[in-house]
Amino acid sequence: MDAKDWESCSDNEIYLQDRSEDDGEESYYSSGFLSKLQFRKDISKARWINDLAMAEVVEKKGKMWVTMGIVRSGKTYCLIEETLFLIEIGALHLLDENGICLSLKEVYEKLSDESGCYWELFEIYRHLKSLGYIVGRHGIPWSVKGLKIKTGTCSLQGSEERNELLEMEPKDTSIIIDLFDNMQINEVSPAFDVYLPNSRFRKSSPGDPSFFLYLSRGNPPSKVEIEALERKQGVVPLKFCHVENGRVSFFSFDRVELAVLP
């Protein structure tokens, strides 16, 4: 697809920056133009599947696929936050089921509860990726190799086929989610599993995340609520995130013990 065709795929401003697939993800993290499209020589292609609310990758180019996309039955699928991020950085063409290239505006409109990601979550995802972190949707593994499938454990909405692709949450994680669902405290919910940059990262054996990230849409959780989570989540640290007027803020809590007065 030449430059003229590429321009027709979006109604947004294009940031013309020639890149090759050898640049890798790190090359654009500090560009400051993540909200604008970038022109690349080598662009992957994917097809949006409405019933799955995901994109099936049909042509891979570049090194970003080492840490992006979930693998199921030999195929790679992109969740909406991954899809939109790759389109924003000019690394992906997204086609609809009729083979027509979708504009960036049309992809933005796919952010919804049905897709499992809304605007605040995407802003968090984009911010973390721009810093170089490896980010995955909480409770959804990149690969199911060696994992046991548990029917009905995934809370995301969608078709039966989509649930089969996503219903892979570990038992302990399900307990944590159930805990928050029952408490309904300040709309705090698990968002992403976050890993530090790692050139040896493998989807089939990612290891424990560096931290679990929870989205806070109200007041910060109380000490009792945090302690309840910490008892359930194991050794992985918890961090919280709040989004307001486009600003993404992260915070965590350390244990503080006050001296006992005589």
Protein backbone atom coordinates (compact mmCIF):
# COMPACT_ATOMS: atom_id res chain seq x y z
CA MET A 1 0.00 0.00 0.00
CA ASP A 2 1.54 3.32 -1.06
CA ALA A 3 1.46 6.61 0.80
CA LYS A 4 -1.66 7.77 -1.01
CA ASP A 5 -3.59 4.69 0.04
CA TRP A 6 -2.32 5.06 3.59
CA GLU A 7 -3.64 8.60 3.81
CA SER A 8 -7.06 7.41 2.72
CA CYS A 9 -7.18 5.04 5.67
CA SER A 10 -7.46 7.82 8.22
CA ASP A 11 -9.01 11.22 8.61
CA ASN A 12 -6.40 12.24 11.20
CA GLU A 13 -3.22 14.22 10.74
CA ILE A 14 -0.26 12.07 9.69
CA TYR A 15 3.13 12.45 11.25
CA LEU A 16 5.47 11.51 8.39
CA GLN A 17 8.37 9.68 9.86
CA ASP A 18 10.06 6.94 7.87
CA ARG A 19 10.78 3.90 10.02
CA SER A 20 11.85 0.35 9.33
CA GLU A 21 10.84 -2.75 11.26
CA ASP A 22 14.34 -3.01 12.75
CA ASP A 23 13.75 0.13 14.78
CA GLY A 24 11.75 -1.83 17.35
CA GLU A 25 9.30 -0.46 19.88
CA GLU A 26 11.85 1.59 21.81
CA SER A 27 12.53 3.93 18.89
CA TYR A 28 9.18 5.70 19.12
CA TYR A 29 8.63 5.79 22.87
CA SER A 30 10.25 9.20 23.28
CA SER A 31 8.98 10.71 20.02
CA GLY A 32 6.23 12.76 21.67
CA PHE A 33 3.87 12.07 18.79
CA LEU A 34 1.97 9.03 20.04
CA SER A 35 -1.35 10.70 19.30
CA LYS A 36 -0.46 11.16 15.63
CA LEU A 37 -0.03 8.58 12.90
CA GLN A 38 3.47 7.78 11.74
CA PHE A 39 4.45 6.53 8.30
CA ARG A 40 6.45 3.31 8.18
CA LYS A 41 7.83 1.19 5.40
CA ASP A 42 6.81 -2.07 7.05
CA ILE A 43 3.27 -2.17 8.40
CA SER A 44 1.39 -5.14 9.81
CA LYS A 45 -2.16 -5.88 8.78
CA ALA A 46 -5.12 -7.10 10.81
CA ARG A 47 -8.81 -7.76 10.25
CA TRP A 48 -11.40 -6.60 12.77
CA ILE A 49 -13.83 -9.33 13.83
CA ASN A 50 -17.01 -7.84 15.24
CA ASP A 51 -18.16 -11.01 16.99
CA LEU A 52 -14.87 -11.22 18.88
CA ALA A 53 -14.41 -7.47 19.39
CA MET A 54 -10.78 -8.13 18.51
CA ALA A 55 -8.50 -7.92 15.49
CA GLU A 56 -7.00 -11.02 13.91
CA VAL A 57 -3.48 -10.32 12.67
CA VAL A 58 -3.06 -11.50 9.09
CA GLU A 59 0.40 -10.11 8.38
CA LYS A 60 3.09 -9.51 11.01
CA LYS A 61 5.94 -7.08 10.53
CA GLY A 62 8.23 -5.63 13.16
CA LYS A 63 9.45 -6.74 16.56
CA MET A 64 6.51 -5.47 18.62
CA TRP A 65 4.72 -8.82 18.27
CA VAL A 66 7.12 -10.34 20.80
CA THR A 67 5.21 -8.47 23.51
CA MET A 68 1.86 -7.69 21.86
CA GLY A 69 -1.12 -9.75 20.78
CA ILE A 70 -2.56 -12.90 22.33
CA VAL A 71 -1.91 -16.26 20.68
CA ARG A 72 -4.73 -18.78 20.32
CA SER A 73 -4.59 -21.92 18.14
CA GLY A 74 -1.65 -20.59 16.17
CA LYS A 75 -3.33 -17.26 15.42
CA THR A 76 -2.53 -13.85 16.88
CA TYR A 77 -5.32 -11.55 18.03
CA CYS A 78 -5.11 -7.95 19.19
CA LEU A 79 -7.33 -6.57 21.91
CA ILE A 80 -8.75 -3.13 21.18
CA GLU A 81 -6.14 -1.25 23.23
CA GLU A 82 -3.31 -2.99 21.39
CA THR A 83 -4.98 -2.45 18.03
CA LEU A 84 -5.54 1.25 18.60
CA PHE A 85 -2.05 1.83 19.97
CA LEU A 86 -0.44 0.17 16.94
CA ILE A 87 -2.58 2.21 14.56
CA GLU A 88 -1.63 5.43 16.36
CA ILE A 89 2.08 4.73 15.92
CA GLY A 90 1.59 3.78 12.28
CA ALA A 91 2.49 0.11 12.72
CA LEU A 92 -0.84 -1.46 11.75
CA HIS A 93 -3.47 -1.29 9.02
CA LEU A 94 -6.87 -2.43 10.28
CA LEU A 95 -9.43 -3.73 7.79
CA ASP A 96 -13.07 -4.45 8.40
CA GLU A 97 -14.68 -7.78 7.53
CA ASN A 98 -15.20 -6.52 3.97
CA GLY A 99 -11.53 -5.65 3.51
CA ILE A 100 -12.03 -1.89 3.78
CA CYS A 101 -9.44 0.06 5.76
CA LEU A 102 -10.87 1.56 8.94
CA SER A 103 -10.09 5.16 9.91
CA LEU A 104 -8.63 6.03 13.27
CA LYS A 105 -11.91 7.66 14.25
CA GLU A 106 -13.79 4.43 13.51
CA VAL A 107 -11.38 2.47 15.68
CA TYR A 108 -11.73 4.96 18.54
CA GLU A 109 -15.46 4.31 18.43
CA LYS A 110 -14.84 0.64 19.17
CA LEU A 111 -13.66 1.49 22.69
CA SER A 112 -16.54 0.26 24.84
CA ASP A 113 -17.50 -2.07 27.67
CA GLU A 114 -18.21 -4.73 25.04
CA SER A 115 -14.61 -4.64 23.84
CA GLY A 116 -13.40 -4.73 27.45
CA CYS A 117 -11.65 -1.36 27.23
CA TYR A 118 -12.93 2.20 27.42
CA TRP A 119 -11.13 5.50 26.95
CA GLU A 120 -9.61 5.79 30.43
CA LEU A 121 -8.12 2.30 30.19
CA PHE A 122 -6.69 3.05 26.77
CA GLU A 123 -5.05 6.22 28.07
CA ILE A 124 -3.39 4.14 30.80
CA TYR A 125 -2.29 1.48 28.32
CA ARG A 126 -0.86 4.06 25.91
CA HIS A 127 0.98 5.84 28.72
CA LEU A 128 2.60 2.64 30.00
CA LYS A 129 3.57 1.49 26.51
CA SER A 130 5.09 4.91 25.79
CA LEU A 131 7.34 4.37 28.81
CA GLY A 132 8.50 1.02 27.47
CA TYR A 133 6.60 -1.33 29.79
CA ILE A 134 5.21 -4.67 28.62
CA VAL A 135 1.48 -4.48 29.26
CA GLY A 136 -1.20 -7.17 29.13
CA ARG A 137 -4.92 -7.12 29.89
CA HIS A 138 -5.37 -8.35 33.45
CA GLY A 139 -6.25 -12.04 33.66
CA ILE A 140 -5.80 -12.72 29.92
CA PRO A 141 -2.55 -14.56 29.14
CA TRP A 142 -0.66 -13.96 25.92
CA SER A 143 -0.52 -17.69 25.26
CA VAL A 144 -2.51 -20.64 26.64
CA LYS A 145 0.33 -23.09 26.17
CA GLY A 146 0.52 -25.19 29.31
CA LEU A 147 -2.55 -23.53 30.89
CA LYS A 148 -5.78 -25.23 31.85
CA ILE A 149 -8.92 -23.68 30.42
CA LYS A 150 -11.57 -22.81 32.98
CA THR A 151 -14.95 -22.15 31.44
CA GLY A 152 -16.85 -19.15 32.75
CA THR A 153 -14.01 -17.44 34.62
CA CYS A 154 -13.68 -14.46 32.32
CA SER A 155 -15.85 -11.50 33.18
CA LEU A 156 -15.58 -9.79 29.79
CA GLN A 157 -18.66 -9.57 27.63
CA GLY A 158 -18.86 -10.90 24.10
CA SER A 159 -19.76 -13.89 21.98
CA GLU A 160 -19.26 -17.48 23.08
CA GLU A 161 -16.30 -17.79 20.71
CA ARG A 162 -14.71 -14.67 22.18
CA ASN A 163 -15.15 -15.99 25.69
CA GLU A 164 -13.41 -19.20 24.67
CA LEU A 165 -10.44 -17.12 23.57
CA LEU A 166 -10.33 -15.09 26.78
CA GLU A 167 -11.61 -17.31 29.62
CA MET A 168 -8.21 -18.18 31.01
CA GLU A 169 -7.96 -16.34 34.32
CA PRO A 170 -5.96 -18.10 37.04
CA LYS A 171 -8.04 -19.15 40.01
CA ASP A 172 -6.38 -16.74 42.43
CA THR A 173 -7.01 -13.79 40.10
CA SER A 174 -10.69 -14.70 39.89
CA ILE A 175 -10.90 -14.58 43.68
CA ILE A 176 -9.45 -11.06 43.64
CA ILE A 177 -11.93 -9.89 41.03
CA ASP A 178 -14.83 -11.46 42.92
CA LEU A 179 -13.65 -9.69 46.04
CA PHE A 180 -13.78 -6.31 44.34
CA ASP A 181 -17.09 -7.07 42.66
CA ASN A 182 -18.63 -7.84 46.04
CA MET A 183 -17.10 -4.86 47.83
CA GLN A 184 -17.90 -2.32 45.07
CA ILE A 185 -15.55 0.20 46.59
CA ASN A 186 -14.96 3.47 44.76
CA GLU A 187 -15.11 1.60 41.45
CA VAL A 188 -11.59 0.15 41.80
CA SER A 189 -10.99 -2.61 39.28
CA PRO A 190 -8.02 -4.62 37.97
CA ALA A 191 -6.80 -3.26 34.65
CA PHE A 192 -3.41 -4.53 33.48
CA ASP A 193 -0.55 -6.86 34.32
CA VAL A 194 2.63 -4.84 33.87
CA TYR A 195 6.17 -6.09 33.23
CA LEU A 196 9.44 -4.18 33.09
CA PRO A 197 11.12 -3.99 29.66
CA ASN A 198 12.74 -7.37 29.04
CA SER A 199 14.42 -8.49 25.81
CA ARG A 200 13.98 -12.12 26.90
CA PHE A 201 10.24 -11.86 27.42
CA ARG A 202 8.26 -14.81 26.09
CA LYS A 203 4.48 -14.98 25.78
CA SER A 204 4.48 -18.69 26.60
CA SER A 205 6.34 -18.11 29.88
CA PRO A 206 6.07 -14.46 30.92
CA GLY A 207 6.59 -15.08 34.64
CA ASP A 208 5.04 -12.94 37.35
CA PRO A 209 4.23 -9.31 36.48
CA SER A 210 6.25 -6.53 38.05
CA PHE A 211 2.95 -5.26 39.41
CA PHE A 212 -0.81 -5.48 39.02
CA LEU A 213 -2.35 -2.17 38.05
CA TYR A 214 -5.81 -1.24 39.31
CA LEU A 215 -7.91 1.63 37.98
CA SER A 216 -9.43 3.89 40.62
CA ARG A 217 -12.45 5.89 39.43
CA GLY A 218 -13.23 7.46 42.78
CA ASN A 219 -11.44 7.89 46.09
CA PRO A 220 -8.35 5.77 46.77
CA PRO A 221 -9.11 2.42 48.42
CA SER A 222 -9.01 2.27 52.20
CA LYS A 223 -6.34 0.53 54.26
CA VAL A 224 -8.71 -2.37 54.99
CA GLU A 225 -9.49 -2.84 51.32
CA ILE A 226 -5.82 -2.73 50.30
CA GLU A 227 -4.86 -5.24 52.98
CA ALA A 228 -7.64 -7.57 51.82
CA LEU A 229 -6.26 -7.45 48.31
CA GLU A 230 -2.68 -7.98 49.41
CA ARG A 231 -3.64 -11.11 51.30
CA LYS A 232 -5.20 -12.55 48.15
CA GLN A 233 -2.87 -11.43 45.38
CA GLY A 234 0.34 -13.05 46.65
CA VAL A 235 3.80 -11.66 46.05
CA VAL A 236 3.04 -9.38 43.08
CA PRO A 237 2.91 -5.72 44.18
CA LEU A 238 -0.22 -3.63 43.64
CA LYS A 239 -0.28 -0.18 42.08
CA PHE A 240 -3.25 2.07 41.44
CA CYS A 241 -4.00 4.49 38.65
CA HIS A 242 -6.34 7.43 38.26
CA VAL A 243 -7.18 9.31 35.04
CA GLU A 244 -8.54 12.83 35.08
CA ASN A 245 -8.72 15.26 32.15
CA GLY A 246 -6.26 13.16 30.18
CA ARG A 247 -3.67 13.09 32.96
CA VAL A 248 -2.64 9.62 34.10
CA SER A 249 -1.48 9.36 37.74
CA PHE A 250 -0.04 6.31 39.46
CA PHE A 251 0.21 5.67 43.17
CA SER A 252 0.99 2.87 45.59
CA PHE A 253 0.96 2.38 49.35
CA ASP A 254 3.79 1.37 51.66
CA ARG A 255 3.22 -0.13 55.07
CA VAL A 256 3.90 2.38 57.81
CA GLU A 257 4.14 1.27 61.44
CA LEU A 258 3.88 3.95 64.11
CA ALA A 259 5.81 3.60 67.33
CA VAL A 260 3.74 2.56 70.33
CA LEU A 261 3.83 5.22 73.00
CA PRO A 262 4.51 4.10 76.57
